Amino acid sequence: MSIRRTISLAVGLTQSIIGALASVFAYILYHNFFNIQGILNVPSEDVISYMMVLIVFGVLSVISGLFLANEQ
């Protein structure tokens, strides 16, 4: 396995993990586990907006990371 392929795989997997964590954080923020909305001082009206941004970022990061990891 070449150096370029190894780095591409590592960066792709890392990017996918970060995207998955962003989506999980959106779920935690929406359901207010661990009183995260109070800790971050997020108004209840803005939770949906933050959740949508995190989910879009997460999904795009996962897709991009998987494409990068599977690069030939």
Protein backbone atom coordinates (compact mmCIF):
# COMPACT_ATOMS: atom_id res chain seq x y z
CA MET A 1 0.00 0.00 0.00
CA SER A 2 1.45 3.35 -1.01
CA ILE A 3 1.88 6.33 1.29
CA ARG A 4 -0.76 8.30 -0.63
CA ARG A 5 -3.31 5.51 -0.25
CA THR A 6 -2.59 5.16 3.48
CA ILE A 7 -2.98 8.89 4.13
CA SER A 8 -6.14 9.00 2.00
CA LEU A 9 -7.63 6.13 4.00
CA ALA A 10 -6.71 7.68 7.36
CA VAL A 11 -8.09 11.11 6.45
CA GLY A 12 -11.27 9.61 4.98
CA LEU A 13 -11.98 7.52 8.06
CA THR A 14 -11.25 10.45 10.36
CA GLN A 15 -13.58 12.68 8.37
CA SER A 16 -16.33 10.06 8.48
CA ILE A 17 -15.96 9.69 12.25
CA ILE A 18 -16.17 13.46 12.75
CA GLY A 19 -19.31 13.58 10.60
CA ALA A 20 -20.92 10.76 12.57
CA LEU A 21 -20.08 12.51 15.85
CA ALA A 22 -21.66 15.73 14.56
CA SER A 23 -24.87 13.84 13.79
CA VAL A 24 -24.83 12.20 17.22
CA PHE A 25 -24.29 15.59 18.85
CA ALA A 26 -27.30 16.96 16.92
CA TYR A 27 -29.42 14.15 18.38
CA ILE A 28 -28.11 14.84 21.89
CA LEU A 29 -28.77 18.56 21.46
CA TYR A 30 -32.32 18.01 20.22
CA HIS A 31 -33.31 15.64 23.01
CA ASN A 32 -31.45 17.72 25.62
CA PHE A 33 -29.51 14.83 27.15
CA PHE A 34 -27.25 15.88 30.03
CA ASN A 35 -28.93 19.34 29.98
CA ILE A 36 -26.71 20.28 27.05
CA GLN A 37 -28.99 23.14 25.95
CA GLY A 38 -28.57 24.78 29.35
CA ILE A 39 -24.82 24.23 29.42
CA LEU A 40 -24.37 25.73 25.95
CA ASN A 41 -26.97 28.45 26.63
CA VAL A 42 -28.94 27.59 23.48
CA PRO A 43 -32.47 29.02 23.28
CA SER A 44 -35.17 26.44 22.61
CA GLU A 45 -36.25 28.29 19.46
CA ASP A 46 -32.82 27.90 17.84
CA VAL A 47 -32.31 24.19 18.54
CA ILE A 48 -33.90 23.11 15.25
CA SER A 49 -31.60 25.41 13.25
CA TYR A 50 -28.48 24.14 15.00
CA MET A 51 -29.65 20.57 14.60
CA MET A 52 -30.20 20.98 10.85
CA VAL A 53 -26.75 22.53 10.37
CA LEU A 54 -25.10 19.72 12.34
CA ILE A 55 -26.97 17.00 10.46
CA VAL A 56 -26.17 18.47 7.05
CA PHE A 57 -22.50 18.87 8.03
CA GLY A 58 -22.45 15.33 9.41
CA VAL A 59 -24.01 13.68 6.39
CA LEU A 60 -21.81 15.54 3.92
CA SER A 61 -18.70 14.75 5.96
CA VAL A 62 -19.54 11.06 6.12
CA ILE A 63 -20.21 10.86 2.39
CA SER A 64 -17.04 12.78 1.53
CA GLY A 65 -14.97 10.73 3.94
CA LEU A 66 -16.23 7.46 2.49
CA PHE A 67 -15.46 8.62 -1.04
CA LEU A 68 -11.98 9.61 0.09
CA ALA A 69 -11.41 6.31 1.89
CA ASN A 70 -12.53 4.30 -1.18
CA GLU A 71 -10.44 6.29 -3.63
CA GLN A 72 -8.66 4.04 -6.10
